[in-house]
PDB file of all heavy atoms in Angstrom:
ATOM      1  N   PHE A   1       0.846  -1.210   0.004  1.00  0.00           N
ATOM      2  CA  PHE A   1       0.001  -0.008  -0.004  1.00  0.00           C
ATOM      3  C   PHE A   1       0.889   1.256   0.009  1.00  0.00           C
ATOM      4  O   PHE A   1       0.677   2.182  -0.804  1.00  0.00           O
ATOM      5  CB  PHE A   1      -0.911  -0.075   1.231  1.00  0.00           C
ATOM      6  CG  PHE A   1      -1.923   1.039   1.386  1.00  0.00           C
ATOM      7  CD1 PHE A   1      -3.194   0.864   0.879  1.00  0.00           C
ATOM      8  CD2 PHE A   1      -1.620   2.195   2.060  1.00  0.00           C
ATOM      9  CE1 PHE A   1      -4.196   1.839   1.029  1.00  0.00           C
ATOM     10  CE2 PHE A   1      -2.573   3.192   2.253  1.00  0.00           C
ATOM     11  CZ  PHE A   1      -3.870   3.022   1.728  1.00  0.00           C
ATOM     12  N   LEU A   2       1.866   1.293   0.918  1.00  0.00           N
ATOM     13  CA  LEU A   2       2.763   2.448   1.003  1.00  0.00           C
ATOM     14  C   LEU A   2       3.568   2.644  -0.303  1.00  0.00           C
ATOM     15  O   LEU A   2       3.774   3.812  -0.719  1.00  0.00           O
ATOM     16  CB  LEU A   2       3.663   2.318   2.178  1.00  0.00           C
ATOM     17  CG  LEU A   2       2.992   2.336   3.559  1.00  0.00           C
ATOM     18  CD1 LEU A   2       4.021   2.103   4.623  1.00  0.00           C
ATOM     19  CD2 LEU A   2       2.242   3.645   3.823  1.00  0.00           C
ATOM     20  N   CYS A   3       4.017   1.589  -0.901  1.00  0.00           N
ATOM     21  CA  CYS A   3       4.783   1.719  -2.137  1.00  0.00           C
ATOM     22  C   CYS A   3       3.951   2.342  -3.227  1.00  0.00           C
ATOM     23  O   CYS A   3       4.467   3.167  -4.008  1.00  0.00           O
ATOM     24  CB  CYS A   3       5.306   0.358  -2.578  1.00  0.00           C
ATOM     25  SG  CYS A   3       6.804  -0.161  -1.710  1.00  0.00           S
ATOM     26  N   ALA A   4       2.693   1.970  -3.347  1.00  0.00           N
ATOM     27  CA  ALA A   4       1.848   2.589  -4.353  1.00  0.00           C
ATOM     28  C   ALA A   4       1.616   4.062  -4.048  1.00  0.00           C
ATOM     29  O   ALA A   4       1.550   4.895  -5.000  1.00  0.00           O
ATOM     30  CB  ALA A   4       0.514   1.869  -4.451  1.00  0.00           C
ATOM     31  N   LEU A   5       1.509   4.417  -2.754  1.00  0.00           N
ATOM     32  CA  LEU A   5       1.302   5.812  -2.422  1.00  0.00           C
ATOM     33  C   LEU A   5       2.437   6.741  -2.827  1.00  0.00           C
ATOM     34  O   LEU A   5       2.251   7.853  -3.261  1.00  0.00           O
ATOM     35  CB  LEU A   5       1.136   5.952  -0.882  1.00  0.00           C
ATOM     36  CG  LEU A   5      -0.165   5.429  -0.265  1.00  0.00           C
ATOM     37  CD1 LEU A   5      -0.118   5.681   1.232  1.00  0.00           C
ATOM     38  CD2 LEU A   5      -1.399   6.071  -0.879  1.00  0.00           C
ATOM     39  N   LEU A   6       3.696   6.206  -2.721  1.00  0.00           N
ATOM     40  CA  LEU A   6       4.854   7.060  -2.942  1.00  0.00           C
ATOM     41  C   LEU A   6       5.219   7.221  -4.411  1.00  0.00           C
ATOM     42  O   LEU A   6       6.055   8.027  -4.774  1.00  0.00           O
ATOM     43  CB  LEU A   6       6.031   6.593  -2.116  1.00  0.00           C
ATOM     44  CG  LEU A   6       6.682   5.248  -2.432  1.00  0.00           C
ATOM     45  CD1 LEU A   6       7.626   5.273  -3.619  1.00  0.00           C
ATOM     46  CD2 LEU A   6       7.424   4.731  -1.201  1.00  0.00           C
ATOM     47  N   LEU A   7       4.547   6.453  -5.323  1.00  0.00           N
ATOM     48  CA  LEU A   7       4.884   6.506  -6.736  1.00  0.00           C
ATOM     49  C   LEU A   7       4.219   7.701  -7.395  1.00  0.00           C
ATOM     50  O   LEU A   7       3.330   7.577  -8.264  1.00  0.00           O
ATOM     51  CB  LEU A   7       4.461   5.213  -7.415  1.00  0.00           C
ATOM     52  CG  LEU A   7       5.385   4.035  -7.062  1.00  0.00           C
ATOM     53  CD1 LEU A   7       4.859   2.767  -7.697  1.00  0.00           C
ATOM     54  CD2 LEU A   7       6.811   4.278  -7.499  1.00  0.00           C
ATOM     55  N   ARG A   8       4.644   8.842  -7.017  1.00  0.00           N
ATOM     56  CA  ARG A   8       4.154  10.145  -7.550  1.00  0.00           C
ATOM     57  C   ARG A   8       5.082  11.182  -6.959  1.00  0.00           C
ATOM     58  O   ARG A   8       5.828  10.913  -6.047  1.00  0.00           O
ATOM     59  CB  ARG A   8       2.698  10.377  -7.201  1.00  0.00           C
ATOM     60  CG  ARG A   8       2.421  10.397  -5.707  1.00  0.00           C
ATOM     61  CD  ARG A   8       0.975  10.088  -5.446  1.00  0.00           C
ATOM     62  NE  ARG A   8       0.704   8.651  -5.557  1.00  0.00           N
ATOM     63  CZ  ARG A   8      -0.342   8.112  -6.245  1.00  0.00           C
ATOM     64  NH1 ARG A   8      -1.193   8.890  -6.877  1.00  0.00           N
ATOM     65  NH2 ARG A   8      -0.534   6.813  -6.282  1.00  0.00           N
ATOM     66  N   ASP A   9       5.031  12.382  -7.538  1.00  0.00           N
ATOM     67  CA  ASP A   9       5.935  13.432  -7.008  1.00  0.00           C
ATOM     68  C   ASP A   9       5.631  13.732  -5.539  1.00  0.00           C
ATOM     69  O   ASP A   9       6.575  14.019  -4.786  1.00  0.00           O
ATOM     70  CB  ASP A   9       5.754  14.698  -7.854  1.00  0.00           C
ATOM     71  CG  ASP A   9       6.376  14.571  -9.222  1.00  0.00           C
ATOM     72  OD1 ASP A   9       7.170  13.609  -9.432  1.00  0.00           O
ATOM     73  OD2 ASP A   9       6.053  15.404 -10.107  1.00  0.00           O
ATOM     74  N   LYS A  10       4.386  13.694  -5.154  1.00  0.00           N
ATOM     75  CA  LYS A  10       4.011  13.941  -3.756  1.00  0.00           C
ATOM     76  C   LYS A  10       2.925  12.976  -3.364  1.00  0.00           C
ATOM     77  O   LYS A  10       1.871  12.968  -3.991  1.00  0.00           O
ATOM     78  CB  LYS A  10       3.550  15.403  -3.600  1.00  0.00           C
ATOM     79  CG  LYS A  10       3.232  15.791  -2.163  1.00  0.00           C
ATOM     80  CD  LYS A  10       2.849  17.257  -2.058  1.00  0.00           C
ATOM     81  CE  LYS A  10       2.547  17.635  -0.620  1.00  0.00           C
ATOM     82  NZ  LYS A  10       2.134  19.094  -0.497  1.00  0.00           N
ATOM     83  N   PRO A  11       3.127  12.151  -2.308  1.00  0.00           N
ATOM     84  CA  PRO A  11       2.099  11.213  -1.892  1.00  0.00           C
ATOM     85  C   PRO A  11       0.851  11.951  -1.396  1.00  0.00           C
ATOM     86  O   PRO A  11       0.903  13.114  -1.018  1.00  0.00           O
ATOM     87  CB  PRO A  11       2.796  10.442  -0.759  1.00  0.00           C
ATOM     88  CG  PRO A  11       4.230  10.647  -0.950  1.00  0.00           C
ATOM     89  CD  PRO A  11       4.385  12.008  -1.559  1.00  0.00           C
ATOM     90  N   PRO A  12      -0.296  11.250  -1.382  1.00  0.00           N
ATOM     91  CA  PRO A  12      -1.493  11.845  -0.789  1.00  0.00           C
ATOM     92  C   PRO A  12      -1.232  12.215   0.696  1.00  0.00           C
ATOM     93  O   PRO A  12      -0.350  11.648   1.315  1.00  0.00           O
ATOM     94  CB  PRO A  12      -2.535  10.726  -0.893  1.00  0.00           C
ATOM     95  CG  PRO A  12      -2.025   9.843  -1.955  1.00  0.00           C
ATOM     96  CD  PRO A  12      -0.520   9.906  -1.903  1.00  0.00           C
ATOM     97  N   ALA A  13      -1.988  13.142   1.180  1.00  0.00           N
ATOM     98  CA  ALA A  13      -1.856  13.547   2.608  1.00  0.00           C
ATOM     99  C   ALA A  13      -2.112  12.360   3.525  1.00  0.00           C
ATOM    100  O   ALA A  13      -2.945  11.491   3.226  1.00  0.00           O
ATOM    101  CB  ALA A  13      -2.824  14.698   2.917  1.00  0.00           C
ATOM    102  N   VAL A  14      -1.385  12.332   4.628  1.00  0.00           N
ATOM    103  CA  VAL A  14      -1.591  11.291   5.597  1.00  0.00           C
ATOM    104  C   VAL A  14      -3.064  11.178   6.027  1.00  0.00           C
ATOM    105  O   VAL A  14      -3.606  10.090   6.181  1.00  0.00           O
ATOM    106  CB  VAL A  14      -0.694  11.491   6.841  1.00  0.00           C
ATOM    107  CG1 VAL A  14      -0.998  10.450   7.922  1.00  0.00           C
ATOM    108  CG2 VAL A  14       0.773  11.486   6.458  1.00  0.00           C
ATOM    109  N   SER A  15      -3.719  12.310   6.202  1.00  0.00           N
ATOM    110  CA  SER A  15      -5.103  12.340   6.610  1.00  0.00           C
ATOM    111  C   SER A  15      -6.031  11.669   5.588  1.00  0.00           C
ATOM    112  O   SER A  15      -7.105  11.163   5.930  1.00  0.00           O
ATOM    113  CB  SER A  15      -5.607  13.742   6.825  1.00  0.00           C
ATOM    114  OG  SER A  15      -5.455  14.503   5.648  1.00  0.00           O
ATOM    115  N   ALA A  16      -5.565  11.580   4.337  1.00  0.00           N
ATOM    116  CA  ALA A  16      -6.361  10.926   3.309  1.00  0.00           C
ATOM    117  C   ALA A  16      -6.156   9.413   3.306  1.00  0.00           C
ATOM    118  O   ALA A  16      -7.108   8.670   3.181  1.00  0.00           O
ATOM    119  CB  ALA A  16      -5.996  11.487   1.939  1.00  0.00           C
ATOM    120  N   TRP A  17      -4.897   8.963   3.422  1.00  0.00           N
ATOM    121  CA  TRP A  17      -4.668   7.532   3.297  1.00  0.00           C
ATOM    122  C   TRP A  17      -4.708   6.735   4.595  1.00  0.00           C
ATOM    123  O   TRP A  17      -4.994   5.538   4.595  1.00  0.00           O
ATOM    124  CB  TRP A  17      -3.341   7.237   2.575  1.00  0.00           C
ATOM    125  CG  TRP A  17      -2.059   7.735   3.192  1.00  0.00           C
ATOM    126  CD1 TRP A  17      -1.358   8.830   2.800  1.00  0.00           C
ATOM    127  CD2 TRP A  17      -1.323   7.137   4.250  1.00  0.00           C
ATOM    128  NE1 TRP A  17      -0.242   8.953   3.548  1.00  0.00           N
ATOM    129  CE2 TRP A  17      -0.163   7.932   4.460  1.00  0.00           C
ATOM    130  CE3 TRP A  17      -1.468   5.970   5.037  1.00  0.00           C
ATOM    131  CZ2 TRP A  17       0.806   7.613   5.413  1.00  0.00           C
ATOM    132  CZ3 TRP A  17      -0.557   5.680   6.022  1.00  0.00           C
ATOM    133  CH2 TRP A  17       0.581   6.476   6.183  1.00  0.00           C
ATOM    134  N   LEU A  18      -4.434   7.398   5.713  1.00  0.00           N
ATOM    135  CA  LEU A  18      -4.343   6.647   6.978  1.00  0.00           C
ATOM    136  C   LEU A  18      -5.648   5.875   7.325  1.00  0.00           C
ATOM    137  O   LEU A  18      -5.561   4.699   7.753  1.00  0.00           O
ATOM    138  CB  LEU A  18      -3.949   7.591   8.110  1.00  0.00           C
ATOM    139  CG  LEU A  18      -3.707   6.901   9.481  1.00  0.00           C
ATOM    140  CD1 LEU A  18      -2.479   5.972   9.387  1.00  0.00           C
ATOM    141  CD2 LEU A  18      -3.512   7.957  10.559  1.00  0.00           C
ATOM    142  N   PRO A  19      -6.811   6.501   7.178  1.00  0.00           N
ATOM    143  CA  PRO A  19      -8.042   5.719   7.529  1.00  0.00           C
ATOM    144  C   PRO A  19      -8.149   4.440   6.718  1.00  0.00           C
ATOM    145  O   PRO A  19      -8.642   3.417   7.252  1.00  0.00           O
ATOM    146  CB  PRO A  19      -9.173   6.709   7.177  1.00  0.00           C
ATOM    147  CG  PRO A  19      -8.543   8.070   7.327  1.00  0.00           C
ATOM    148  CD  PRO A  19      -7.148   7.905   6.824  1.00  0.00           C
ATOM    149  N   TRP A  20      -7.718   4.436   5.443  1.00  0.00           N
ATOM    150  CA  TRP A  20      -7.808   3.250   4.640  1.00  0.00           C
ATOM    151  C   TRP A  20      -6.695   2.226   4.981  1.00  0.00           C
ATOM    152  O   TRP A  20      -6.904   1.008   4.733  1.00  0.00           O
ATOM    153  CB  TRP A  20      -7.722   3.639   3.157  1.00  0.00           C
ATOM    154  CG  TRP A  20      -8.899   4.495   2.788  1.00  0.00           C
ATOM    155  CD1 TRP A  20      -8.921   5.885   2.699  1.00  0.00           C
ATOM    156  CD2 TRP A  20     -10.200   4.054   2.487  1.00  0.00           C
ATOM    157  NE1 TRP A  20     -10.185   6.285   2.364  1.00  0.00           N
ATOM    158  CE2 TRP A  20     -10.973   5.204   2.236  1.00  0.00           C
ATOM    159  CE3 TRP A  20     -10.809   2.810   2.398  1.00  0.00           C
ATOM    160  CZ2 TRP A  20     -12.331   5.125   1.882  1.00  0.00           C
ATOM    161  CZ3 TRP A  20     -12.158   2.749   2.067  1.00  0.00           C
ATOM    162  CH2 TRP A  20     -12.904   3.902   1.798  1.00  0.00           C
ATOM    163  N   ALA A  21      -5.628   2.652   5.542  1.00  0.00           N
ATOM    164  CA  ALA A  21      -4.617   1.715   6.007  1.00  0.00           C
ATOM    165  C   ALA A  21      -5.054   1.052   7.293  1.00  0.00           C
ATOM    166  O   ALA A  21      -4.744  -0.146   7.528  1.00  0.00           O
ATOM    167  CB  ALA A  21      -3.262   2.433   6.185  1.00  0.00           C
ATOM    168  N   LEU A  22      -5.730   1.776   8.148  1.00  0.00           N
ATOM    169  CA  LEU A  22      -6.130   1.281   9.448  1.00  0.00           C
ATOM    170  C   LEU A  22      -7.484   0.611   9.476  1.00  0.00           C
ATOM    171  O   LEU A  22      -7.853  -0.002  10.483  1.00  0.00           O
ATOM    172  CB  LEU A  22      -6.050   2.403  10.488  1.00  0.00           C
ATOM    173  CG  LEU A  22      -4.680   3.064  10.655  1.00  0.00           C
ATOM    174  CD1 LEU A  22      -4.718   4.077  11.811  1.00  0.00           C
ATOM    175  CD2 LEU A  22      -3.607   2.030  10.848  1.00  0.00           C
ATOM    176  N   ASP A  23      -8.231   0.748   8.363  1.00  0.00           N
ATOM    177  CA  ASP A  23      -9.552   0.075   8.345  1.00  0.00           C
ATOM    178  C   ASP A  23      -9.936  -0.144   6.878  1.00  0.00           C
ATOM    179  O   ASP A  23      -9.858   0.789   6.032  1.00  0.00           O
ATOM    180  CB  ASP A  23     -10.616   0.906   9.022  1.00  0.00           C
ATOM    181  CG  ASP A  23     -11.969   0.187   9.021  1.00  0.00           C
ATOM    182  OD1 ASP A  23     -12.120  -0.779   9.779  1.00  0.00           O
ATOM    183  OD2 ASP A  23     -12.859   0.567   8.246  1.00  0.00           O
ATOM    184  N   ILE A  24     -10.320  -1.358   6.513  1.00  0.00           N
ATOM    185  CA  ILE A  24     -10.546  -1.695   5.125  1.00  0.00           C
ATOM    186  C   ILE A  24     -11.708  -0.844   4.551  1.00  0.00           C
ATOM    187  O   ILE A  24     -11.777  -0.660   3.357  1.00  0.00           O
ATOM    188  CB  ILE A  24     -10.867  -3.220   4.999  1.00  0.00           C
ATOM    189  CG1 ILE A  24     -10.821  -3.674   3.540  1.00  0.00           C
ATOM    190  CG2 ILE A  24     -12.195  -3.556   5.671  1.00  0.00           C
ATOM    191  CD1 ILE A  24      -9.486  -3.563   2.906  1.00  0.00           C
ATOM    192  N   ASP A  25     -12.594  -0.356   5.441  1.00  0.00           N
ATOM    193  CA  ASP A  25     -13.695   0.475   4.975  1.00  0.00           C
ATOM    194  C   ASP A  25     -13.425   1.950   5.130  1.00  0.00           C
ATOM    195  O   ASP A  25     -14.297   2.768   4.892  1.00  0.00           O
ATOM    196  CB  ASP A  25     -14.976   0.120   5.753  1.00  0.00           C
ATOM    197  CG  ASP A  25     -15.513  -1.286   5.410  1.00  0.00           C
ATOM    198  OD1 ASP A  25     -15.393  -1.702   4.235  1.00  0.00           O
ATOM    199  OD2 ASP A  25     -15.924  -2.033   6.329  1.00  0.00           O
ATOM    200  N   GLY A  26     -12.201   2.308   5.564  1.00  0.00           N
ATOM    201  CA  GLY A  26     -11.863   3.737   5.661  1.00  0.00           C
ATOM    202  C   GLY A  26     -12.490   4.467   6.824  1.00  0.00           C
ATOM    203  O   GLY A  26     -12.564   5.690   6.793  1.00  0.00           O
ATOM    204  N   ARG A  27     -12.923   3.736   7.849  1.00  0.00           N
ATOM    205  CA  ARG A  27     -13.525   4.386   9.005  1.00  0.00           C
ATOM    206  C   ARG A  27     -12.451   5.078   9.842  1.00  0.00           C
ATOM    207  O   ARG A  27     -11.387   4.506  10.113  1.00  0.00           O
ATOM    208  CB  ARG A  27     -14.295   3.351   9.865  1.00  0.00           C
ATOM    209  CG  ARG A  27     -15.501   2.795   9.194  1.00  0.00           C
ATOM    210  CD  ARG A  27     -16.064   1.618   9.931  1.00  0.00           C
ATOM    211  NE  ARG A  27     -15.203   0.438   9.804  1.00  0.00           N
ATOM    212  CZ  ARG A  27     -15.612  -0.833  10.036  1.00  0.00           C
ATOM    213  NH1 ARG A  27     -16.872  -1.039  10.377  1.00  0.00           N
ATOM    214  NH2 ARG A  27     -14.748  -1.828   9.896  1.00  0.00           N
ATOM    215  N   SER A  28     -12.716   6.284  10.256  1.00  0.00           N
ATOM    216  CA  SER A  28     -11.763   7.049  11.022  1.00  0.00           C
ATOM    217  C   SER A  28     -11.714   6.524  12.492  1.00  0.00           C
ATOM    218  O   SER A  28     -12.718   6.121  13.023  1.00  0.00           O
ATOM    219  CB  SER A  28     -12.099   8.553  11.057  1.00  0.00           C
ATOM    220  OG  SER A  28     -12.023   9.082   9.765  1.00  0.00           O
ATOM    221  N   LEU A  29     -10.511   6.533  13.040  1.00  0.00           N
ATOM    222  CA  LEU A  29     -10.326   6.104  14.408  1.00  0.00           C
ATOM    223  C   LEU A  29      -9.962   7.276  15.306  1.00  0.00           C
ATOM    224  O   LEU A  29      -9.485   8.301  14.819  1.00  0.00           O
ATOM    225  CB  LEU A  29      -9.200   5.074  14.455  1.00  0.00           C
ATOM    226  CG  LEU A  29      -9.410   3.777  13.680  1.00  0.00           C
ATOM    227  CD1 LEU A  29      -8.147   2.937  13.759  1.00  0.00           C
ATOM    228  CD2 LEU A  29     -10.595   3.006  14.222  1.00  0.00           C
ATOM    229  N   PRO A  30     -10.182   7.165  16.611  1.00  0.00           N
ATOM    230  CA  PRO A  30      -9.708   8.220  17.521  1.00  0.00           C
ATOM    231  C   PRO A  30      -8.242   8.433  17.322  1.00  0.00           C
ATOM    232  O   PRO A  30      -7.461   7.508  17.121  1.00  0.00           O
ATOM    233  CB  PRO A  30     -10.034   7.685  18.867  1.00  0.00           C
ATOM    234  CG  PRO A  30     -11.138   6.713  18.696  1.00  0.00           C
ATOM    235  CD  PRO A  30     -10.889   6.107  17.351  1.00  0.00           C
ATOM    236  N   ALA A  31      -7.800   9.722  17.314  1.00  0.00           N
ATOM    237  CA  ALA A  31      -6.415  10.030  17.056  1.00  0.00           C
ATOM    238  C   ALA A  31      -5.463   9.302  18.009  1.00  0.00           C
ATOM    239  O   ALA A  31      -4.410   8.842  17.581  1.00  0.00           O
ATOM    240  CB  ALA A  31      -6.236  11.558  17.151  1.00  0.00           C
ATOM    241  N   ALA A  32      -5.828   9.216  19.245  1.00  0.00           N
ATOM    242  CA  ALA A  32      -4.942   8.565  20.239  1.00  0.00           C
ATOM    243  C   ALA A  32      -4.757   7.089  19.935  1.00  0.00           C
ATOM    244  O   ALA A  32      -3.684   6.522  20.142  1.00  0.00           O
ATOM    245  CB  ALA A  32      -5.518   8.743  21.627  1.00  0.00           C
ATOM    246  N   SER A  33      -5.819   6.433  19.408  1.00  0.00           N
ATOM    247  CA  SER A  33      -5.734   5.036  19.070  1.00  0.00           C
ATOM    248  C   SER A  33      -4.894   4.805  17.863  1.00  0.00           C
ATOM    249  O   SER A  33      -4.149   3.815  17.733  1.00  0.00           O
ATOM    250  CB  SER A  33      -7.139   4.438  18.875  1.00  0.00           C
ATOM    251  OG  SER A  33      -7.927   4.553  20.043  1.00  0.00           O
ATOM    252  N   ALA A  34      -5.006   5.689  16.878  1.00  0.00           N
ATOM    253  CA  ALA A  34      -4.303   5.542  15.602  1.00  0.00           C
ATOM    254  C   ALA A  34      -2.836   6.002  15.642  1.00  0.00           C
ATOM    255  O   ALA A  34      -2.072   5.584  14.822  1.00  0.00           O
ATOM    256  CB  ALA A  34      -5.048   6.360  14.527  1.00  0.00           C
ATOM    257  N   ALA A  35      -2.483   6.839  16.623  1.00  0.00           N
ATOM    258  CA  ALA A  35      -1.185   7.475  16.644  1.00  0.00           C
ATOM    259  C   ALA A  35      -0.005   6.534  16.596  1.00  0.00           C
ATOM    260  O   ALA A  35       0.930   6.745  15.795  1.00  0.00           O
ATOM    261  CB  ALA A  35      -1.048   8.412  17.860  1.00  0.00           C
ATOM    262  N   PRO A  36       0.066   5.463  17.378  1.00  0.00           N
ATOM    263  CA  PRO A  36       1.254   4.597  17.329  1.00  0.00           C
ATOM    264  C   PRO A  36       1.459   3.993  15.939  1.00  0.00           C
ATOM    265  O   PRO A  36       2.562   3.993  15.417  1.00  0.00           O
ATOM    266  CB  PRO A  36       0.939   3.522  18.365  1.00  0.00           C
ATOM    267  CG  PRO A  36       0.023   4.218  19.341  1.00  0.00           C
ATOM    268  CD  PRO A  36      -0.848   5.058  18.493  1.00  0.00           C
ATOM    269  N   ALA A  37       0.389   3.417  15.339  1.00  0.00           N
ATOM    270  CA  ALA A  37       0.535   2.859  14.027  1.00  0.00           C
ATOM    271  C   ALA A  37       0.865   3.924  12.973  1.00  0.00           C
ATOM    272  O   ALA A  37       1.626   3.687  12.019  1.00  0.00           O
ATOM    273  CB  ALA A  37      -0.758   2.121  13.621  1.00  0.00           C
ATOM    274  N   GLN A  38       0.278   5.105  13.154  1.00  0.00           N
ATOM    275  CA  GLN A  38       0.577   6.184  12.177  1.00  0.00           C
ATOM    276  C   GLN A  38       2.080   6.518  12.184  1.00  0.00           C
ATOM    277  O   GLN A  38       2.679   6.679  11.101  1.00  0.00           O
ATOM    278  CB  GLN A  38      -0.226   7.449  12.541  1.00  0.00           C
ATOM    279  CG  GLN A  38       0.090   8.628  11.646  1.00  0.00           C
ATOM    280  CD  GLN A  38      -0.698   9.856  11.936  1.00  0.00           C
ATOM    281  OE1 GLN A  38      -1.700   9.813  12.685  1.00  0.00           O
ATOM    282  NE2 GLN A  38      -0.248  11.014  11.466  1.00  0.00           N
ATOM    283  N   VAL A  39       2.687   6.615  13.363  1.00  0.00           N
ATOM    284  CA  VAL A  39       4.102   6.929  13.419  1.00  0.00           C
ATOM    285  C   VAL A  39       4.924   5.859  12.698  1.00  0.00           C
ATOM    286  O   VAL A  39       5.813   6.193  11.898  1.00  0.00           O
ATOM    287  CB  VAL A  39       4.547   7.060  14.911  1.00  0.00           C
ATOM    288  CG1 VAL A  39       6.044   7.125  14.996  1.00  0.00           C
ATOM    289  CG2 VAL A  39       3.923   8.299  15.564  1.00  0.00           C
ATOM    290  N   THR A  40       4.613   4.606  12.938  1.00  0.00           N
ATOM    291  CA  THR A  40       5.397   3.541  12.292  1.00  0.00           C
ATOM    292  C   THR A  40       5.158   3.498  10.795  1.00  0.00           C
ATOM    293  O   THR A  40       6.105   3.330  10.032  1.00  0.00           O
ATOM    294  CB  THR A  40       4.983   2.172  12.914  1.00  0.00           C
ATOM    295  OG1 THR A  40       5.168   2.235  14.351  1.00  0.00           O
ATOM    296  CG2 THR A  40       5.835   1.079  12.364  1.00  0.00           C
ATOM    297  N   LEU A  41       3.947   3.737  10.350  1.00  0.00           N
ATOM    298  CA  LEU A  41       3.663   3.749   8.936  1.00  0.00           C
ATOM    299  C   LEU A  41       4.385   4.932   8.237  1.00  0.00           C
ATOM    300  O   LEU A  41       4.939   4.760   7.138  1.00  0.00           O
ATOM    301  CB  LEU A  41       2.167   3.824   8.690  1.00  0.00           C
ATOM    302  CG  LEU A  41       1.364   2.569   8.956  1.00  0.00           C
ATOM    303  CD1 LEU A  41      -0.114   2.860   8.981  1.00  0.00           C
ATOM    304  CD2 LEU A  41       1.675   1.510   7.913  1.00  0.00           C
ATOM    305  N   GLU A  42       4.406   6.086   8.857  1.00  0.00           N
ATOM    306  CA  GLU A  42       5.097   7.207   8.276  1.00  0.00           C
ATOM    307  C   GLU A  42       6.619   7.003   8.251  1.00  0.00           C
ATOM    308  O   GLU A  42       7.298   7.363   7.288  1.00  0.00           O
ATOM    309  CB  GLU A  42       4.762   8.470   9.048  1.00  0.00           C
ATOM    310  CG  GLU A  42       3.347   8.952   8.820  1.00  0.00           C
ATOM    311  CD  GLU A  42       3.130  10.367   9.348  1.00  0.00           C
ATOM    312  OE1 GLU A  42       3.580  11.303   8.673  1.00  0.00           O
ATOM    313  OE2 GLU A  42       2.471  10.501  10.409  1.00  0.00           O
ATOM    314  N   GLN A  43       7.153   6.308   9.276  1.00  0.00           N
ATOM    315  CA  GLN A  43       8.563   5.950   9.216  1.00  0.00           C
ATOM    316  C   GLN A  43       8.874   5.018   8.079  1.00  0.00           C
ATOM    317  O   GLN A  43       9.872   5.202   7.349  1.00  0.00           O
ATOM    318  CB  GLN A  43       8.966   5.288  10.550  1.00  0.00           C
ATOM    319  CG  GLN A  43       8.987   6.244  11.747  1.00  0.00           C
ATOM    320  CD  GLN A  43       9.209   5.493  13.051  1.00  0.00           C
ATOM    321  OE1 GLN A  43       9.112   4.274  13.107  1.00  0.00           O
ATOM    322  NE2 GLN A  43       9.477   6.236  14.112  1.00  0.00           N
TER     323      GLN A  43
END
């Protein structure tokens, strides 16, 4: 998923792709719950 995101001059905003990485239906999660995985995914 991440490799496909970066194949462009500028990847989509984290706020756009993170819900779809953390839930197959793109449901938003509380920021505190999502934060640890978000940090690792961005790394």
